[in-house]
């Protein structure tokens, strides 16, 4: 039988690039006005905003899912990441361009 090296939560965080039980923590940054909407789908549309709430510069989110390509309000393409926002207790897609 082969030996398996287990890693602890802190080491897993280092690999994932964040902090908090293996989930990467990111900070909202780069907003010049308005808010970063949390959405039900990777598409800029007022109808898919979760409770019409949003994140502001400095807010923290946990990346809990993958990144997919979606659309902007102008019809362009951008990346959306599935996150959990502890500030509001909800999960959804956010424009990845505003996460650091």
PDB file of N, CA and C in Angstrom:
ATOM      1  N   UNK A   1       0.839  -1.176   0.000  1.00  0.00           N
ATOM      2  CA  UNK A   1       0.000   0.000   0.000  1.00  0.00           C
ATOM      3  C   UNK A   1       0.887   1.243   0.000  1.00  0.00           C
ATOM      4  N   UNK A   2       0.499   2.234  -0.750  1.00  0.00           N
ATOM      5  CA  UNK A   2       1.275   3.477  -0.831  1.00  0.00           C
ATOM      6  C   UNK A   2       0.913   4.410   0.310  1.00  0.00           C
ATOM      7  N   UNK A   3       1.913   5.182   0.704  1.00  0.00           N
ATOM      8  CA  UNK A   3       1.667   6.199   1.722  1.00  0.00           C
ATOM      9  C   UNK A   3       0.995   7.398   1.075  1.00  0.00           C
ATOM     10  N   UNK A   4      -0.002   7.910   1.727  1.00  0.00           N
ATOM     11  CA  UNK A   4      -0.701   9.100   1.243  1.00  0.00           C
ATOM     12  C   UNK A   4      -0.407  10.232   2.216  1.00  0.00           C
ATOM     13  N   UNK A   5       0.104  11.324   1.684  1.00  0.00           N
ATOM     14  CA  UNK A   5       0.374  12.493   2.515  1.00  0.00           C
ATOM     15  C   UNK A   5      -0.872  13.362   2.561  1.00  0.00           C
ATOM     16  N   UNK A   6      -1.372  13.567   3.760  1.00  0.00           N
ATOM     17  CA  UNK A   6      -2.530  14.429   3.930  1.00  0.00           C
ATOM     18  C   UNK A   6      -2.052  15.848   4.217  1.00  0.00           C
ATOM     19  N   UNK A   7      -2.854  16.826   3.779  1.00  0.00           N
ATOM     20  CA  UNK A   7      -2.512  18.209   4.100  1.00  0.00           C
ATOM     21  C   UNK A   7      -3.591  18.800   4.983  1.00  0.00           C
ATOM     22  N   UNK A   8      -3.185  19.756   5.790  1.00  0.00           N
ATOM     23  CA  UNK A   8      -4.161  20.381   6.685  1.00  0.00           C
ATOM     24  C   UNK A   8      -4.852  21.549   5.992  1.00  0.00           C
ATOM     25  N   UNK A   9      -5.791  22.163   6.674  1.00  0.00           N
ATOM     26  CA  UNK A   9      -6.605  23.230   6.094  1.00  0.00           C
ATOM     27  C   UNK A   9      -5.733  24.407   5.667  1.00  0.00           C
ATOM     28  N   UNK A  10      -4.740  24.769   6.483  1.00  0.00           N
ATOM     29  CA  UNK A  10      -3.881  25.904   6.149  1.00  0.00           C
ATOM     30  C   UNK A  10      -3.114  25.645   4.852  1.00  0.00           C
ATOM     31  N   UNK A  11      -2.589  24.440   4.696  1.00  0.00           N
ATOM     32  CA  UNK A  11      -1.874  24.109   3.462  1.00  0.00           C
ATOM     33  C   UNK A  11      -2.822  24.114   2.266  1.00  0.00           C
ATOM     34  N   UNK A  12      -4.039  23.632   2.457  1.00  0.00           N
ATOM     35  CA  UNK A  12      -5.033  23.645   1.393  1.00  0.00           C
ATOM     36  C   UNK A  12      -5.367  25.079   0.991  1.00  0.00           C
ATOM     37  N   UNK A  13      -5.485  25.968   1.968  1.00  0.00           N
ATOM     38  CA  UNK A  13      -5.724  27.378   1.679  1.00  0.00           C
ATOM     39  C   UNK A  13      -4.616  27.960   0.819  1.00  0.00           C
ATOM     40  N   UNK A  14      -3.380  27.616   1.123  1.00  0.00           N
ATOM     41  CA  UNK A  14      -2.255  28.124   0.341  1.00  0.00           C
ATOM     42  C   UNK A  14      -2.339  27.659  -1.104  1.00  0.00           C
ATOM     43  N   UNK A  15      -2.737  26.427  -1.320  1.00  0.00           N
ATOM     44  CA  UNK A  15      -2.882  25.905  -2.676  1.00  0.00           C
ATOM     45  C   UNK A  15      -4.044  26.598  -3.376  1.00  0.00           C
ATOM     46  N   UNK A  16      -5.159  26.811  -2.655  1.00  0.00           N
ATOM     47  CA  UNK A  16      -6.355  27.425  -3.231  1.00  0.00           C
ATOM     48  C   UNK A  16      -6.195  28.927  -3.422  1.00  0.00           C
ATOM     49  N   UNK A  17      -5.206  29.520  -2.758  1.00  0.00           N
ATOM     50  CA  UNK A  17      -4.965  30.943  -2.924  1.00  0.00           C
ATOM     51  C   UNK A  17      -5.784  31.823  -2.009  1.00  0.00           C
ATOM     52  N   UNK A  18      -6.328  31.269  -0.949  1.00  0.00           N
ATOM     53  CA  UNK A  18      -7.150  32.093  -0.073  1.00  0.00           C
ATOM     54  C   UNK A  18      -7.113  31.623   1.350  1.00  0.00           C
ATOM     55  N   UNK A  19      -8.125  31.993   2.082  1.00  0.00           N
ATOM     56  CA  UNK A  19      -8.217  31.622   3.480  1.00  0.00           C
ATOM     57  C   UNK A  19      -9.639  31.155   3.763  1.00  0.00           C
ATOM     58  N   UNK A  20      -9.764  30.188   4.646  1.00  0.00           N
ATOM     59  CA  UNK A  20     -11.107  29.784   5.067  1.00  0.00           C
ATOM     60  C   UNK A  20     -11.527  28.433   4.568  1.00  0.00           C
ATOM     61  N   UNK A  21     -11.045  27.405   5.212  1.00  0.00           N
ATOM     62  CA  UNK A  21     -11.467  26.035   4.973  1.00  0.00           C
ATOM     63  C   UNK A  21     -11.407  25.621   3.515  1.00  0.00           C
ATOM     64  N   UNK A  22     -10.314  25.964   2.845  1.00  0.00           N
ATOM     65  CA  UNK A  22     -10.103  25.504   1.485  1.00  0.00           C
ATOM     66  C   UNK A  22     -10.727  26.364   0.416  1.00  0.00           C
ATOM     67  N   UNK A  23     -11.458  27.407   0.787  1.00  0.00           N
ATOM     68  CA  UNK A  23     -12.079  28.282  -0.200  1.00  0.00           C
ATOM     69  C   UNK A  23     -11.237  29.542  -0.335  1.00  0.00           C
ATOM     70  N   UNK A  24     -11.039  29.982  -1.551  1.00  0.00           N
ATOM     71  CA  UNK A  24     -10.288  31.207  -1.787  1.00  0.00           C
ATOM     72  C   UNK A  24     -11.146  32.403  -1.414  1.00  0.00           C
ATOM     73  N   UNK A  25     -10.588  33.301  -0.626  1.00  0.00           N
ATOM     74  CA  UNK A  25     -11.275  34.536  -0.277  1.00  0.00           C
ATOM     75  C   UNK A  25     -10.779  35.640  -1.202  1.00  0.00           C
ATOM     76  N   UNK A  26     -11.694  36.364  -1.791  1.00  0.00           N
ATOM     77  CA  UNK A  26     -11.362  37.456  -2.709  1.00  0.00           C
ATOM     78  C   UNK A  26     -11.993  38.736  -2.190  1.00  0.00           C
ATOM     79  N   UNK A  27     -11.426  39.863  -2.616  1.00  0.00           N
ATOM     80  CA  UNK A  27     -11.916  41.175  -2.223  1.00  0.00           C
ATOM     81  C   UNK A  27     -12.455  41.898  -3.450  1.00  0.00           C
ATOM     82  N   UNK A  28     -13.598  42.548  -3.297  1.00  0.00           N
ATOM     83  CA  UNK A  28     -14.170  43.350  -4.379  1.00  0.00           C
ATOM     84  C   UNK A  28     -13.321  44.615  -4.514  1.00  0.00           C
ATOM     85  N   UNK A  29     -12.903  44.910  -5.732  1.00  0.00           N
ATOM     86  CA  UNK A  29     -12.053  46.063  -5.979  1.00  0.00           C
ATOM     87  C   UNK A  29     -12.300  46.602  -7.386  1.00  0.00           C
ATOM     88  N   UNK A  30     -11.962  47.862  -7.593  1.00  0.00           N
ATOM     89  CA  UNK A  30     -12.030  48.439  -8.931  1.00  0.00           C
ATOM     90  C   UNK A  30     -13.362  49.048  -9.328  1.00  0.00           C
ATOM     91  N   UNK A  31     -14.334  49.052  -8.420  1.00  0.00           N
ATOM     92  CA  UNK A  31     -15.622  49.669  -8.748  1.00  0.00           C
ATOM     93  C   UNK A  31     -15.470  51.188  -8.700  1.00  0.00           C
ATOM     94  N   UNK A  32     -15.938  51.864  -9.717  1.00  0.00           N
ATOM     95  CA  UNK A  32     -15.863  53.323  -9.736  1.00  0.00           C
ATOM     96  C   UNK A  32     -17.212  53.961  -9.425  1.00  0.00           C
ATOM     97  N   UNK A  33     -18.230  53.179  -9.342  1.00  0.00           N
ATOM     98  CA  UNK A  33     -19.570  53.656  -9.010  1.00  0.00           C
ATOM     99  C   UNK A  33     -20.509  52.479  -8.952  1.00  0.00           C
ATOM    100  N   UNK A  34     -21.623  52.653  -8.330  1.00  0.00           N
ATOM    101  CA  UNK A  34     -22.602  51.570  -8.266  1.00  0.00           C
ATOM    102  C   UNK A  34     -22.142  50.433  -7.366  1.00  0.00           C
ATOM    103  N   UNK A  35     -22.541  49.225  -7.721  1.00  0.00           N
ATOM    104  CA  UNK A  35     -22.215  48.060  -6.918  1.00  0.00           C
ATOM    105  C   UNK A  35     -21.968  46.864  -7.825  1.00  0.00           C
ATOM    106  N   UNK A  36     -21.374  45.826  -7.254  1.00  0.00           N
ATOM    107  CA  UNK A  36     -21.151  44.575  -7.969  1.00  0.00           C
ATOM    108  C   UNK A  36     -22.330  43.655  -7.647  1.00  0.00           C
ATOM    109  N   UNK A  37     -23.162  43.407  -8.635  1.00  0.00           N
ATOM    110  CA  UNK A  37     -24.370  42.604  -8.434  1.00  0.00           C
ATOM    111  C   UNK A  37     -24.035  41.129  -8.261  1.00  0.00           C
ATOM    112  N   UNK A  38     -24.812  40.480  -7.420  1.00  0.00           N
ATOM    113  CA  UNK A  38     -24.762  39.029  -7.250  1.00  0.00           C
ATOM    114  C   UNK A  38     -25.913  38.497  -8.090  1.00  0.00           C
ATOM    115  N   UNK A  39     -25.606  37.590  -9.021  1.00  0.00           N
ATOM    116  CA  UNK A  39     -26.585  37.188 -10.039  1.00  0.00           C
ATOM    117  C   UNK A  39     -26.885  35.690 -10.011  1.00  0.00           C
ATOM    118  N   UNK A  40     -28.047  35.340 -10.550  1.00  0.00           N
ATOM    119  CA  UNK A  40     -28.441  33.936 -10.656  1.00  0.00           C
ATOM    120  C   UNK A  40     -27.881  33.280 -11.914  1.00  0.00           C
ATOM    121  N   UNK A  41     -27.396  34.075 -12.846  1.00  0.00           N
ATOM    122  CA  UNK A  41     -26.844  33.561 -14.107  1.00  0.00           C
ATOM    123  C   UNK A  41     -25.678  34.454 -14.532  1.00  0.00           C
ATOM    124  N   UNK A  42     -24.752  33.915 -15.310  1.00  0.00           N
ATOM    125  CA  UNK A  42     -23.600  34.695 -15.757  1.00  0.00           C
ATOM    126  C   UNK A  42     -23.931  35.628 -16.921  1.00  0.00           C
ATOM    127  N   UNK A  43     -24.829  36.554 -16.661  1.00  0.00           N
ATOM    128  CA  UNK A  43     -25.282  37.488 -17.682  1.00  0.00           C
ATOM    129  C   UNK A  43     -25.715  38.777 -16.990  1.00  0.00           C
ATOM    130  N   UNK A  44     -25.245  39.912 -17.510  1.00  0.00           N
ATOM    131  CA  UNK A  44     -25.635  41.193 -16.948  1.00  0.00           C
ATOM    132  C   UNK A  44     -27.076  41.492 -17.355  1.00  0.00           C
ATOM    133  N   UNK A  45     -27.971  41.401 -16.397  1.00  0.00           N
ATOM    134  CA  UNK A  45     -29.396  41.611 -16.626  1.00  0.00           C
ATOM    135  C   UNK A  45     -30.005  41.983 -15.275  1.00  0.00           C
ATOM    136  N   UNK A  46     -30.739  43.072 -15.228  1.00  0.00           N
ATOM    137  CA  UNK A  46     -31.339  43.498 -13.962  1.00  0.00           C
ATOM    138  C   UNK A  46     -32.266  42.440 -13.383  1.00  0.00           C
ATOM    139  N   UNK A  47     -32.849  41.608 -14.220  1.00  0.00           N
ATOM    140  CA  UNK A  47     -33.789  40.581 -13.755  1.00  0.00           C
ATOM    141  C   UNK A  47     -33.125  39.412 -13.049  1.00  0.00           C
ATOM    142  N   UNK A  48     -31.798  39.246 -13.183  1.00  0.00           N
ATOM    143  CA  UNK A  48     -31.160  38.108 -12.516  1.00  0.00           C
ATOM    144  C   UNK A  48     -30.339  38.530 -11.296  1.00  0.00           C
ATOM    145  N   UNK A  49     -30.497  39.776 -10.862  1.00  0.00           N
ATOM    146  CA  UNK A  49     -29.838  40.225  -9.634  1.00  0.00           C
ATOM    147  C   UNK A  49     -30.562  39.628  -8.434  1.00  0.00           C
ATOM    148  N   UNK A  50     -29.825  39.038  -7.533  1.00  0.00           N
ATOM    149  CA  UNK A  50     -30.420  38.436  -6.343  1.00  0.00           C
ATOM    150  C   UNK A  50     -30.807  39.555  -5.382  1.00  0.00           C
ATOM    151  N   UNK A  51     -32.078  39.732  -5.170  1.00  0.00           N
ATOM    152  CA  UNK A  51     -32.651  40.729  -4.259  1.00  0.00           C
ATOM    153  C   UNK A  51     -32.163  42.146  -4.544  1.00  0.00           C
ATOM    154  N   UNK A  52     -31.613  42.371  -5.709  1.00  0.00           N
ATOM    155  CA  UNK A  52     -31.086  43.686  -6.094  1.00  0.00           C
ATOM    156  C   UNK A  52     -30.157  44.255  -5.020  1.00  0.00           C
ATOM    157  N   UNK A  53     -29.313  43.354  -4.502  1.00  0.00           N
ATOM    158  CA  UNK A  53     -28.290  43.758  -3.536  1.00  0.00           C
ATOM    159  C   UNK A  53     -26.945  43.696  -4.228  1.00  0.00           C
ATOM    160  N   UNK A  54     -25.981  44.399  -3.690  1.00  0.00           N
ATOM    161  CA  UNK A  54     -24.681  44.379  -4.336  1.00  0.00           C
ATOM    162  C   UNK A  54     -23.537  44.588  -3.375  1.00  0.00           C
ATOM    163  N   UNK A  55     -22.377  44.230  -3.865  1.00  0.00           N
ATOM    164  CA  UNK A  55     -21.146  44.345  -3.104  1.00  0.00           C
ATOM    165  C   UNK A  55     -20.435  45.642  -3.465  1.00  0.00           C
ATOM    166  N   UNK A  56     -19.631  46.141  -2.538  1.00  0.00           N
ATOM    167  CA  UNK A  56     -18.878  47.366  -2.753  1.00  0.00           C
ATOM    168  C   UNK A  56     -17.385  47.095  -2.556  1.00  0.00           C
ATOM    169  N   UNK A  57     -16.544  48.026  -2.997  1.00  0.00           N
ATOM    170  CA  UNK A  57     -15.102  47.884  -2.824  1.00  0.00           C
ATOM    171  C   UNK A  57     -14.776  47.541  -1.373  1.00  0.00           C
ATOM    172  N   UNK A  58     -13.918  46.549  -1.193  1.00  0.00           N
ATOM    173  CA  UNK A  58     -13.512  46.121   0.139  1.00  0.00           C
ATOM    174  C   UNK A  58     -14.308  44.958   0.691  1.00  0.00           C
ATOM    175  N   UNK A  59     -15.488  44.670   0.140  1.00  0.00           N
ATOM    176  CA  UNK A  59     -16.275  43.520   0.595  1.00  0.00           C
ATOM    177  C   UNK A  59     -15.543  42.229   0.242  1.00  0.00           C
ATOM    178  N   UNK A  60     -15.693  41.227   1.096  1.00  0.00           N
ATOM    179  CA  UNK A  60     -15.053  39.927   0.896  1.00  0.00           C
ATOM    180  C   UNK A  60     -16.078  38.905   0.412  1.00  0.00           C
ATOM    181  N   UNK A  61     -15.628  38.016  -0.479  1.00  0.00           N
ATOM    182  CA  UNK A  61     -16.442  36.886  -0.928  1.00  0.00           C
ATOM    183  C   UNK A  61     -15.581  35.633  -0.894  1.00  0.00           C
ATOM    184  N   UNK A  62     -16.225  34.489  -0.829  1.00  0.00           N
ATOM    185  CA  UNK A  62     -15.537  33.203  -0.894  1.00  0.00           C
ATOM    186  C   UNK A  62     -15.857  32.566  -2.233  1.00  0.00           C
ATOM    187  N   UNK A  63     -14.815  32.215  -2.974  1.00  0.00           N
ATOM    188  CA  UNK A  63     -15.009  31.543  -4.260  1.00  0.00           C
ATOM    189  C   UNK A  63     -15.373  30.095  -3.962  1.00  0.00           C
ATOM    190  N   UNK A  64     -16.588  29.709  -4.316  1.00  0.00           N
ATOM    191  CA  UNK A  64     -17.072  28.369  -4.006  1.00  0.00           C
ATOM    192  C   UNK A  64     -17.368  27.551  -5.254  1.00  0.00           C
ATOM    193  N   UNK A  65     -17.170  28.152  -6.415  1.00  0.00           N
ATOM    194  CA  UNK A  65     -17.426  27.449  -7.663  1.00  0.00           C
ATOM    195  C   UNK A  65     -16.476  27.915  -8.742  1.00  0.00           C
ATOM    196  N   UNK A  66     -16.757  27.503  -9.929  1.00  0.00           N
ATOM    197  CA  UNK A  66     -15.890  27.797 -11.054  1.00  0.00           C
ATOM    198  C   UNK A  66     -16.181  29.135 -11.702  1.00  0.00           C
ATOM    199  N   UNK A  67     -15.386  29.418 -12.713  1.00  0.00           N
ATOM    200  CA  UNK A  67     -15.533  30.629 -13.500  1.00  0.00           C
ATOM    201  C   UNK A  67     -16.020  30.247 -14.890  1.00  0.00           C
ATOM    202  N   UNK A  68     -17.011  30.979 -15.378  1.00  0.00           N
ATOM    203  CA  UNK A  68     -17.581  30.728 -16.699  1.00  0.00           C
ATOM    204  C   UNK A  68     -17.642  32.040 -17.468  1.00  0.00           C
ATOM    205  N   UNK A  69     -17.728  31.948 -18.771  1.00  0.00           N
ATOM    206  CA  UNK A  69     -17.876  33.148 -19.590  1.00  0.00           C
ATOM    207  C   UNK A  69     -19.350  33.540 -19.658  1.00  0.00           C
ATOM    208  N   UNK A  70     -19.581  34.829 -19.604  1.00  0.00           N
ATOM    209  CA  UNK A  70     -20.929  35.354 -19.688  1.00  0.00           C
ATOM    210  C   UNK A  70     -20.918  36.639 -20.482  1.00  0.00           C
ATOM    211  N   UNK A  71     -21.987  37.415 -20.361  1.00  0.00           N
ATOM    212  CA  UNK A  71     -22.100  38.645 -21.145  1.00  0.00           C
ATOM    213  C   UNK A  71     -22.241  39.865 -20.248  1.00  0.00           C
ATOM    214  N   UNK A  72     -21.828  41.007 -20.783  1.00  0.00           N
ATOM    215  CA  UNK A  72     -21.964  42.290 -20.110  1.00  0.00           C
ATOM    216  C   UNK A  72     -23.237  42.968 -20.601  1.00  0.00           C
ATOM    217  N   UNK A  73     -23.559  44.121 -20.035  1.00  0.00           N
ATOM    218  CA  UNK A  73     -24.737  44.864 -20.477  1.00  0.00           C
ATOM    219  C   UNK A  73     -24.634  45.259 -21.943  1.00  0.00           C
ATOM    220  N   UNK A  74     -23.437  45.538 -22.426  1.00  0.00           N
ATOM    221  CA  UNK A  74     -23.257  45.921 -23.820  1.00  0.00           C
ATOM    222  C   UNK A  74     -23.193  44.742 -24.774  1.00  0.00           C
ATOM    223  N   UNK A  75     -23.319  43.523 -24.249  1.00  0.00           N
ATOM    224  CA  UNK A  75     -23.274  42.328 -25.086  1.00  0.00           C
ATOM    225  C   UNK A  75     -21.891  41.735 -25.236  1.00  0.00           C
ATOM    226  N   UNK A  76     -20.882  42.375 -24.619  1.00  0.00           N
ATOM    227  CA  UNK A  76     -19.523  41.837 -24.657  1.00  0.00           C
ATOM    228  C   UNK A  76     -19.386  40.619 -23.763  1.00  0.00           C
ATOM    229  N   UNK A  77     -18.238  39.996 -23.808  1.00  0.00           N
ATOM    230  CA  UNK A  77     -17.980  38.805 -23.000  1.00  0.00           C
ATOM    231  C   UNK A  77     -17.144  39.168 -21.777  1.00  0.00           C
ATOM    232  N   UNK A  78     -17.411  38.501 -20.675  1.00  0.00           N
ATOM    233  CA  UNK A  78     -16.582  38.639 -19.482  1.00  0.00           C
ATOM    234  C   UNK A  78     -16.734  37.369 -18.644  1.00  0.00           C
ATOM    235  N   UNK A  79     -15.820  37.191 -17.716  1.00  0.00           N
ATOM    236  CA  UNK A  79     -15.823  36.015 -16.854  1.00  0.00           C
ATOM    237  C   UNK A  79     -16.667  36.290 -15.612  1.00  0.00           C
ATOM    238  N   UNK A  80     -17.453  35.309 -15.217  1.00  0.00           N
ATOM    239  CA  UNK A  80     -18.230  35.361 -13.989  1.00  0.00           C
ATOM    240  C   UNK A  80     -17.789  34.206 -13.095  1.00  0.00           C
ATOM    241  N   UNK A  81     -17.680  34.479 -11.795  1.00  0.00           N
ATOM    242  CA  UNK A  81     -17.272  33.473 -10.824  1.00  0.00           C
ATOM    243  C   UNK A  81     -18.396  33.263  -9.822  1.00  0.00           C
ATOM    244  N   UNK A  82     -18.626  31.995  -9.448  1.00  0.00           N
ATOM    245  CA  UNK A  82     -19.643  31.655  -8.458  1.00  0.00           C
ATOM    246  C   UNK A  82     -19.030  31.865  -7.078  1.00  0.00           C
ATOM    247  N   UNK A  83     -19.672  32.704  -6.259  1.00  0.00           N
ATOM    248  CA  UNK A  83     -19.127  33.040  -4.950  1.00  0.00           C
ATOM    249  C   UNK A  83     -20.211  32.952  -3.885  1.00  0.00           C
ATOM    250  N   UNK A  84     -19.760  32.931  -2.642  1.00  0.00           N
ATOM    251  CA  UNK A  84     -20.639  33.078  -1.480  1.00  0.00           C
ATOM    252  C   UNK A  84     -20.304  34.425  -0.855  1.00  0.00           C
ATOM    253  N   UNK A  85     -21.304  35.263  -0.634  1.00  0.00           N
ATOM    254  CA  UNK A  85     -21.116  36.583  -0.035  1.00  0.00           C
ATOM    255  C   UNK A  85     -21.607  36.547   1.412  1.00  0.00           C
ATOM    256  N   UNK A  86     -20.680  36.416   2.372  1.00  0.00           N
ATOM    257  CA  UNK A  86     -21.093  36.349   3.778  1.00  0.00           C
ATOM    258  C   UNK A  86     -21.867  37.586   4.237  1.00  0.00           C
ATOM    259  N   UNK A  87     -21.577  38.746   3.645  1.00  0.00           N
ATOM    260  CA  UNK A  87     -22.259  39.990   4.016  1.00  0.00           C
ATOM    261  C   UNK A  87     -23.779  39.860   3.885  1.00  0.00           C
ATOM    262  N   UNK A  88     -24.220  39.110   2.869  1.00  0.00           N
ATOM    263  CA  UNK A  88     -25.651  38.954   2.614  1.00  0.00           C
ATOM    264  C   UNK A  88     -26.147  37.521   2.831  1.00  0.00           C
ATOM    265  N   UNK A  89     -25.222  36.567   2.997  1.00  0.00           N
ATOM    266  CA  UNK A  89     -25.617  35.178   3.188  1.00  0.00           C
ATOM    267  C   UNK A  89     -26.171  34.531   1.937  1.00  0.00           C
ATOM    268  N   UNK A  90     -25.712  34.973   0.762  1.00  0.00           N
ATOM    269  CA  UNK A  90     -26.206  34.418  -0.501  1.00  0.00           C
ATOM    270  C   UNK A  90     -25.040  34.007  -1.406  1.00  0.00           C
ATOM    271  N   UNK A  91     -25.338  33.120  -2.336  1.00  0.00           N
ATOM    272  CA  UNK A  91     -24.376  32.700  -3.352  1.00  0.00           C
ATOM    273  C   UNK A  91     -24.900  33.100  -4.715  1.00  0.00           C
ATOM    274  N   UNK A  92     -23.974  33.349  -5.638  1.00  0.00           N
ATOM    275  CA  UNK A  92     -24.362  33.687  -6.991  1.00  0.00           C
ATOM    276  C   UNK A  92     -23.152  34.040  -7.821  1.00  0.00           C
ATOM    277  N   UNK A  93     -23.401  34.422  -9.064  1.00  0.00           N
ATOM    278  CA  UNK A  93     -22.331  34.822  -9.973  1.00  0.00           C
ATOM    279  C   UNK A  93     -22.007  36.299  -9.804  1.00  0.00           C
ATOM    280  N   UNK A  94     -20.719  36.627  -9.861  1.00  0.00           N
ATOM    281  CA  UNK A  94     -20.281  38.026  -9.908  1.00  0.00           C
ATOM    282  C   UNK A  94     -19.270  38.171 -11.031  1.00  0.00           C
ATOM    283  N   UNK A  95     -19.161  39.376 -11.568  1.00  0.00           N
ATOM    284  CA  UNK A  95     -18.183  39.665 -12.612  1.00  0.00           C
ATOM    285  C   UNK A  95     -16.788  39.512 -12.002  1.00  0.00           C
ATOM    286  N   UNK A  96     -16.016  38.560 -12.512  1.00  0.00           N
ATOM    287  CA  UNK A  96     -14.699  38.238 -11.971  1.00  0.00           C
ATOM    288  C   UNK A  96     -13.693  39.363 -12.133  1.00  0.00           C
ATOM    289  N   UNK A  97     -13.947  40.307 -13.033  1.00  0.00           N
ATOM    290  CA  UNK A  97     -13.017  41.415 -13.237  1.00  0.00           C
ATOM    291  C   UNK A  97     -12.888  42.302 -12.010  1.00  0.00           C
ATOM    292  N   UNK A  98     -13.827  42.195 -11.081  1.00  0.00           N
ATOM    293  CA  UNK A  98     -13.818  43.050  -9.903  1.00  0.00           C
ATOM    294  C   UNK A  98     -13.404  42.303  -8.632  1.00  0.00           C
ATOM    295  N   UNK A  99     -12.773  41.141  -8.799  1.00  0.00           N
ATOM    296  CA  UNK A  99     -12.280  40.372  -7.651  1.00  0.00           C
ATOM    297  C   UNK A  99     -10.765  40.316  -7.668  1.00  0.00           C
ATOM    298  N   UNK A 100     -10.167  40.553  -6.518  1.00  0.00           N
ATOM    299  CA  UNK A 100      -8.700  40.463  -6.388  1.00  0.00           C
ATOM    300  C   UNK A 100      -8.350  39.665  -5.161  1.00  0.00           C
TER     301      UNK A 100
END
